Protein backbone atom coordinates (compact mmCIF):
# COMPACT_ATOMS: atom_id res chain seq x y z
CA MET A 1 103.06 98.41 75.16
CA ASN A 2 104.32 101.33 76.67
CA LYS A 3 102.14 104.42 78.11
CA TYR A 4 101.27 106.40 75.17
CA ASP A 5 99.90 102.99 73.96
CA MET A 6 97.04 103.96 76.52
CA LYS A 7 93.72 105.31 75.37
CA ILE A 8 93.57 108.07 78.67
CA THR A 9 89.42 109.57 79.06
CA LEU A 10 89.25 111.57 81.68
CA ILE A 11 86.05 112.14 83.86
CA GLU A 12 84.12 115.66 83.35
CA THR A 13 83.00 115.99 87.07
CA LYS A 14 85.04 115.10 90.20
CA LYS A 15 84.11 113.55 92.86
CA GLU A 16 83.84 115.09 96.27
CA LYS A 17 86.55 114.42 98.54
CA THR A 18 86.35 113.25 101.79
CA GLN A 19 88.68 114.85 103.79
CA SER A 20 91.77 113.29 104.94
CA ASP A 21 91.29 113.64 108.68
CA GLN A 22 87.71 111.31 107.89
CA LEU A 23 89.23 108.67 105.65
CA GLY A 24 88.63 105.37 106.44
CA PHE A 25 89.79 102.25 104.95
CA GLY A 26 88.85 101.40 101.33
CA LYS A 27 85.56 103.61 101.16
CA ASN A 28 86.53 106.36 98.99
CA PHE A 29 87.83 105.97 95.01
CA THR A 30 89.52 107.81 93.03
CA ASP A 31 88.19 109.69 89.67
CA HIS A 32 90.00 106.84 87.76
CA MET A 33 91.06 103.38 87.09
CA PHE A 34 93.27 101.72 84.59
CA ILE A 35 91.73 98.33 83.15
CA MET A 36 93.60 96.60 79.96
CA ASP A 37 91.72 93.51 78.48
CA TYR A 38 93.65 89.91 77.68
CA THR A 39 91.74 87.72 75.37
CA GLU A 40 93.65 84.38 74.95
CA GLY A 41 95.92 84.72 70.75
CA LYS A 42 95.65 87.88 71.26
CA GLY A 43 97.20 88.69 74.77
CA TRP A 44 97.04 91.44 77.13
CA HIS A 45 95.81 94.27 74.76
CA ASN A 46 93.89 97.77 74.93
CA PRO A 47 95.07 99.56 78.35
CA SER A 48 93.31 102.53 79.03
CA ILE A 49 92.72 104.40 82.17
CA VAL A 50 89.02 105.76 82.39
CA PRO A 51 86.79 107.48 84.67
CA TYR A 52 86.40 104.98 87.78
CA GLN A 53 83.10 103.20 86.70
CA PRO A 54 81.07 99.52 87.22
CA ILE A 55 82.65 96.38 84.66
CA SER A 56 80.03 95.19 82.91
CA LEU A 57 80.50 91.02 83.80
CA GLU A 58 78.38 88.04 82.12
CA PRO A 59 77.10 86.03 84.49
CA SER A 60 78.58 82.85 83.03
CA ALA A 61 82.05 84.94 83.13
CA MET A 62 84.42 82.67 84.82
CA VAL A 63 85.36 84.51 88.28
CA PHE A 64 82.19 83.41 89.97
CA HIS A 65 82.41 80.36 89.79
CA TYR A 66 85.41 79.11 90.64
CA SER A 67 87.38 81.65 92.00
CA GLN A 68 89.96 82.79 89.20
CA THR A 69 91.11 85.67 90.82
CA VAL A 70 94.66 87.51 92.39
CA PHE A 71 95.19 90.63 93.98
CA GLU A 72 97.70 92.70 95.08
CA GLY A 73 97.96 96.02 97.55
CA LEU A 74 100.57 99.25 97.99
CA LYS A 75 100.47 102.56 98.32
CA ALA A 76 101.57 105.42 97.21
CA TYR A 77 102.70 108.13 100.09
CA MET A 78 103.11 112.56 99.49
CA THR A 79 106.12 113.74 101.27
CA ASN A 80 106.59 116.69 103.13
CA ASP A 81 107.83 119.05 100.17
CA GLY A 82 105.05 117.67 97.73
CA GLU A 83 106.93 114.23 96.06
CA VAL A 84 104.81 111.08 95.73
CA ILE A 85 106.42 107.83 96.47
CA LEU A 86 105.78 103.95 95.97
CA PHE A 87 107.33 101.56 98.06
CA ARG A 88 109.29 98.87 96.28
CA PRO A 89 106.20 98.63 93.66
CA GLU A 90 108.21 96.72 91.42
CA LYS A 91 108.09 93.51 94.44
CA ASN A 92 104.03 94.14 94.51
CA PHE A 93 103.94 93.93 90.36
CA GLU A 94 105.94 90.45 90.74
CA ARG A 95 104.46 89.13 93.93
CA LEU A 96 101.44 89.52 90.84
CA ASN A 97 102.78 87.56 88.37
CA ARG A 98 103.77 84.16 90.78
CA SER A 99 99.83 84.41 92.25
CA ASN A 100 98.73 84.47 88.47
CA ASN A 101 101.09 81.28 87.17
CA ARG A 102 99.87 79.66 90.49
CA LEU A 103 96.40 80.61 89.39
CA CYS A 104 97.07 79.89 85.67
CA ILE A 105 96.64 83.62 84.59
CA PRO A 106 98.32 85.39 82.13
CA GLU A 107 101.13 87.50 83.85
CA ILE A 108 101.65 90.80 82.88
CA ASP A 109 104.45 93.21 82.27
CA VAL A 110 105.78 94.84 85.16
CA GLU A 111 107.24 97.66 83.99
CA PHE A 112 104.96 98.17 81.63
CA ALA A 113 102.22 98.08 84.35
CA LEU A 114 104.50 100.23 86.95
CA THR A 115 104.31 102.52 83.91
CA ALA A 116 100.37 102.71 83.87
CA LEU A 117 100.01 103.17 88.09
CA LYS A 118 102.97 106.05 87.76
CA GLU A 119 100.17 107.54 84.71
CA LEU A 120 97.41 106.90 87.19
CA ILE A 121 98.97 108.31 90.16
CA SER A 122 99.60 111.50 88.27
CA ILE A 123 96.19 112.37 86.75
CA ASP A 124 94.52 111.19 90.33
CA ARG A 125 97.31 113.23 92.19
CA GLU A 126 95.01 115.24 94.20
CA TRP A 127 93.78 112.40 95.84
CA ILE A 128 97.04 111.80 97.57
CA PRO A 129 96.04 112.88 100.86
CA LYS A 130 98.46 114.66 103.42
CA ILE A 131 97.92 114.36 106.45
CA GLU A 132 100.36 112.63 109.04
CA GLY A 133 100.03 108.56 108.50
CA THR A 134 97.61 108.49 105.78
CA SER A 135 98.16 107.28 102.31
CA LEU A 136 96.80 106.05 98.78
CA TYR A 137 96.18 102.29 98.73
CA ILE A 138 96.25 100.61 95.26
CA ARG A 139 94.43 98.08 94.43
CA PRO A 140 96.00 96.28 91.22
CA PHE A 141 93.41 92.69 90.39
CA VAL A 142 93.06 90.11 87.72
CA ILE A 143 89.76 88.49 87.07
CA ALA A 144 88.77 85.97 84.59
CA THR A 145 86.13 87.36 82.43
CA GLU A 146 84.90 84.03 79.69
CA PRO A 147 81.43 83.16 80.19
CA HIS A 148 81.83 79.41 80.71
CA LEU A 149 80.95 77.46 83.42
CA GLY A 150 82.85 74.07 82.07
CA VAL A 151 85.60 74.04 84.57
CA SER A 152 88.95 74.98 82.90
CA ILE A 153 91.40 77.61 82.29
CA ALA A 154 89.66 80.95 81.63
CA LYS A 155 90.78 82.80 77.86
CA SER A 156 89.63 85.62 78.83
CA TYR A 157 90.84 88.64 81.73
CA LYS A 158 90.49 92.41 82.91
CA PHE A 159 93.72 93.48 84.42
CA ILE A 160 92.46 96.41 86.59
CA ILE A 161 93.88 98.86 88.81
CA ILE A 162 91.28 101.16 91.24
CA MET A 163 93.16 103.47 93.92
CA SER A 164 91.38 104.90 97.93
CA PRO A 165 92.66 107.42 100.10
CA VAL A 166 93.09 105.74 103.71
CA GLY A 167 93.63 106.91 106.62
CA SER A 168 95.78 105.92 109.57
CA TYR A 169 95.62 101.89 110.32
CA TYR A 170 95.26 103.22 113.47
CA ASN A 171 93.09 105.79 115.16
CA ASP A 172 94.80 106.23 118.86
CA GLY A 173 98.20 105.23 117.59
CA ILE A 174 100.10 101.92 117.35
CA GLN A 175 98.58 99.72 120.21
CA PRO A 176 100.07 96.09 120.31
CA VAL A 177 95.98 93.45 119.59
CA LYS A 178 95.08 90.36 120.97
CA ILE A 179 95.90 87.42 119.06
CA VAL A 180 93.95 83.86 119.25
CA VAL A 181 95.83 80.78 118.28
CA GLU A 182 92.84 79.03 115.81
CA THR A 183 93.16 75.12 116.22
CA GLU A 184 89.78 74.06 114.29
CA PHE A 185 90.24 75.56 110.51
CA ALA A 186 92.34 75.70 108.64
CA ARG A 187 93.08 79.06 105.85
CA THR A 188 95.51 76.51 103.29
CA VAL A 189 97.88 73.97 103.16
CA LYS A 190 101.25 73.79 101.22
CA GLY A 191 100.59 72.60 97.48
CA GLY A 192 97.35 75.19 97.99
CA THR A 193 96.73 78.18 97.64
CA GLY A 194 97.66 79.81 100.77
CA GLU A 195 101.34 82.07 98.65
CA ALA A 196 99.12 82.93 95.93
CA LYS A 197 97.15 86.59 96.93
CA THR A 198 93.98 85.09 95.94
CA GLY A 199 89.85 86.18 97.51
CA GLY A 200 89.74 82.38 98.17
CA ASN A 201 92.40 82.38 101.15
CA TYR A 202 90.71 85.52 102.38
CA ALA A 203 87.12 83.70 102.13
CA SER A 204 88.66 80.56 104.09
CA SER A 205 89.99 83.11 106.94
CA LEU A 206 86.40 84.71 107.40
CA LYS A 207 84.54 82.28 109.82
CA ALA A 208 87.81 81.51 112.54
CA GLN A 209 88.02 85.59 112.67
CA VAL A 210 84.52 85.86 113.11
CA VAL A 211 84.81 83.34 115.88
CA SER A 212 87.46 85.14 117.52
CA LYS A 213 85.76 88.57 117.47
CA LYS A 214 82.84 87.06 119.63
CA MET A 215 85.71 85.91 122.08
CA GLY A 216 87.19 89.66 122.14
CA TYR A 217 90.32 89.05 120.15
CA SER A 218 91.39 90.94 117.08
CA GLN A 219 93.12 88.40 115.05
CA VAL A 220 93.34 84.84 113.81
CA LEU A 221 97.17 82.97 114.61
CA TRP A 222 97.06 80.68 111.84
CA LEU A 223 98.67 76.82 112.61
CA ASP A 224 99.50 74.56 109.49
CA GLY A 225 96.72 72.79 107.59
CA VAL A 226 98.06 69.29 108.75
CA GLU A 227 99.60 68.78 111.56
CA LYS A 228 97.65 72.07 113.44
CA LYS A 229 100.99 71.72 115.34
CA TYR A 230 103.10 74.85 113.75
CA VAL A 231 102.96 78.51 113.10
CA GLU A 232 102.68 80.44 109.47
CA GLU A 233 100.92 83.35 109.71
CA VAL A 234 98.84 85.87 112.03
CA GLY A 235 95.65 86.65 109.93
CA THR A 236 96.05 88.42 106.75
CA MET A 237 100.09 89.42 107.96
CA ASN A 238 103.09 87.73 108.52
CA VAL A 239 104.12 87.41 112.03
CA PHE A 240 107.33 87.89 113.46
CA PHE A 241 108.38 86.53 117.15
CA LYS A 242 111.68 87.82 119.43
CA ILE A 243 112.65 84.76 121.27
CA ASN A 244 115.53 85.43 123.81
CA GLY A 245 117.09 88.65 121.89
CA GLU A 246 116.74 86.65 118.46
CA VAL A 247 114.00 87.85 115.55
CA VAL A 248 111.96 84.47 113.79
CA THR A 249 109.25 84.35 111.43
CA PRO A 250 107.86 81.51 109.80
CA ALA A 251 109.75 80.10 106.85
CA LEU A 252 108.23 80.58 103.55
CA ASN A 253 106.74 76.81 102.42
CA GLY A 254 103.67 77.72 99.96
CA SER A 255 101.34 77.46 102.14
CA ILE A 256 102.43 81.36 103.31
CA LEU A 257 102.34 84.17 100.99
CA GLN A 258 105.28 85.99 100.76
CA GLY A 259 105.00 89.67 101.63
CA VAL A 260 106.60 92.43 100.89
CA THR A 261 106.89 94.28 103.98
CA ARG A 262 108.39 91.20 105.79
CA ALA A 263 111.13 90.76 102.87
CA SER A 264 111.35 94.30 104.38
CA ILE A 265 111.95 94.04 107.83
CA ILE A 266 114.12 90.78 107.55
CA GLU A 267 115.91 92.71 105.22
CA LEU A 268 116.20 96.23 107.76
CA LEU A 269 117.44 93.90 110.65
CA GLN A 270 119.73 92.28 108.53
CA HIS A 271 121.21 96.10 108.20
CA TRP A 272 121.32 96.29 111.62
CA ASN A 273 122.86 93.39 112.54
CA ILE A 274 119.78 91.71 114.61
CA PRO A 275 120.09 88.19 114.14
CA VAL A 276 116.92 87.49 112.12
CA SER A 277 115.81 84.07 111.18
CA GLU A 278 113.52 82.49 109.31
CA ARG A 279 112.65 78.22 109.62
CA LEU A 280 109.88 76.34 111.67
CA ILE A 281 108.44 77.29 115.05
CA SER A 282 106.19 75.36 116.73
CA ILE A 283 103.09 77.04 118.66
CA GLN A 284 105.09 74.74 121.86
CA GLU A 285 107.77 76.06 121.17
CA LEU A 286 106.20 79.75 121.73
CA TYR A 287 104.67 78.87 124.45
CA ASP A 288 107.71 77.55 126.46
CA ALA A 289 109.57 80.27 125.53
CA TYR A 290 106.96 82.42 127.29
CA ALA A 291 107.43 80.42 129.98
CA ALA A 292 110.81 80.24 129.80
CA GLY A 293 110.49 84.18 130.42
CA GLU A 294 112.25 84.40 126.35
CA LEU A 295 109.46 85.37 124.04
CA GLU A 296 109.79 89.35 124.50
CA GLU A 297 108.38 90.77 121.60
CA ALA A 298 105.97 89.83 118.74
CA PHE A 299 104.41 91.50 115.45
CA GLY A 300 102.91 91.23 112.05
CA THR A 301 103.47 92.86 108.87
CA GLY A 302 101.68 94.13 106.06
CA THR A 303 100.74 97.19 104.32
CA ALA A 304 98.19 98.41 105.70
CA ALA A 305 99.32 98.93 109.10
CA ILE A 306 103.65 97.71 108.25
CA ILE A 307 103.69 96.46 111.66
CA SER A 308 100.94 95.80 113.93
CA PRO A 309 102.52 94.50 117.56
CA ILE A 310 100.76 91.31 119.60
CA GLY A 311 99.88 92.48 123.27
CA GLU A 312 98.72 88.79 123.75
CA LEU A 313 98.54 85.20 122.47
CA LEU A 314 95.70 82.56 123.66
CA TRP A 315 96.21 79.18 122.68
CA LEU A 316 93.73 76.77 123.68
CA ASP A 317 93.41 77.76 127.50
CA LYS A 318 96.76 79.05 127.70
CA LYS A 319 97.28 82.77 127.49
CA MET A 320 100.21 85.08 126.87
CA VAL A 321 100.82 87.76 127.83
CA ILE A 322 103.82 89.57 125.95
CA ASN A 323 105.73 92.41 127.03
CA ASN A 324 103.44 93.14 129.64
CA GLY A 325 100.58 93.87 126.74
CA GLU A 326 102.98 96.76 125.01
CA ILE A 327 104.51 97.40 122.34
CA GLY A 328 107.69 95.66 122.51
CA LYS A 329 111.44 98.33 122.20
CA LEU A 330 111.97 96.91 118.27
CA SER A 331 108.69 97.01 117.16
CA LYS A 332 108.40 100.33 118.17
CA GLN A 333 111.67 101.52 115.78
CA LEU A 334 110.87 99.21 113.13
CA TYR A 335 107.30 100.52 112.90
CA ASP A 336 109.10 104.18 112.45
CA THR A 337 111.70 102.86 110.49
CA LEU A 338 109.77 101.75 107.64
CA THR A 339 107.02 104.62 107.64
CA SER A 340 109.52 107.32 108.08
CA ILE A 341 110.89 105.84 105.19
CA GLN A 342 108.07 105.46 103.33
CA SER A 343 107.00 109.11 103.68
CA GLY A 344 110.27 110.62 102.93
CA ARG A 345 111.21 111.77 106.02
CA LEU A 346 114.53 108.78 106.47
CA GLU A 347 117.05 108.79 103.84
CA ASP A 348 116.08 106.28 101.76
CA SER A 349 119.89 104.09 102.32
CA LEU A 350 118.01 100.49 100.74
CA ASN A 351 116.74 101.95 97.79
CA TRP A 352 112.92 100.68 98.07
CA ILE A 353 111.56 104.36 97.28
CA THR A 354 110.15 105.00 93.46
CA LYS A 355 110.13 108.44 92.22
CA ILE A 356 106.73 109.61 91.15
CA GLU A 357 107.57 113.06 88.55
CA CYS A 358 104.24 114.60 90.08
CA LYS A 359 104.74 117.23 92.87
CA ILE A 360 102.35 117.95 94.11
CA PRO A 361 101.24 121.66 94.69
CA GLN A 362 101.84 122.79 99.01
């Protein structure tokens, strides 16, 4: 398939757009969406770009009952000269296929998915906000649609891409967050679905987040689900620590999401010749480093925030205030560099940027 196989139906009356300085996250959606069907024996077919609209599913659709669904998140940015760019989009579609594989969902054609996305962005290019720090958030997802209550692999699916203009993740600038170390609940375990981007992982994390917010903390640092000993992720982000000059992040072990921003941070640190390692790190080791004055910085990484500095960690009754609760020098440097590459303000020396041929008049 290619984009010329797609049926394109344009909306007649465009929706009113929210002002760029009033955007939230994931509340407003563009005029159009991409949708494609899968049927066993036929494969993926009927790719279409249509007006954004509700989808009709039977109450017995298997996604509602057995959570056979995966999703992704990436962004399109506008440069100062009106070019539209994507940040490593092929990595997101490759990860979508890894999630598909784990959930027994048929894989998509990465090249075609990227072509379809570019066409969708080109059609809805006027929705890309122009203020610094804003972007067009892109949500590709797959759901099982077969109407069947038997516990089995579905025989039909929908692959959909919707898009939403979003504001800056930080309303008051990039500020360190307070995080509580989760010691009661488990998000996933090795051999589970932690390495896949699937809705169930996020549903299972909600209880701990509710409890942490009541305690005055904004996020949860998850430990491994078996021993409750080794650090894994921060909420919906991967996590990094700068300990005595070295940056350390938990190794991918089957229960940790393989983040695109995570990989980019590691590559950027290596490019700068800053020591970085992927390995097991226990919460006790982290506390010992803090007590010895060697825990210099901590931050989470993800598509939404890019870098989210950590100013405080609470583990049981032990409170760790990191870098006096202020953003660290390296965290700020990483944030500034990555956002500058994504916005086109800094040269893309690592070949991460994909340009879309739909220049926006200024």
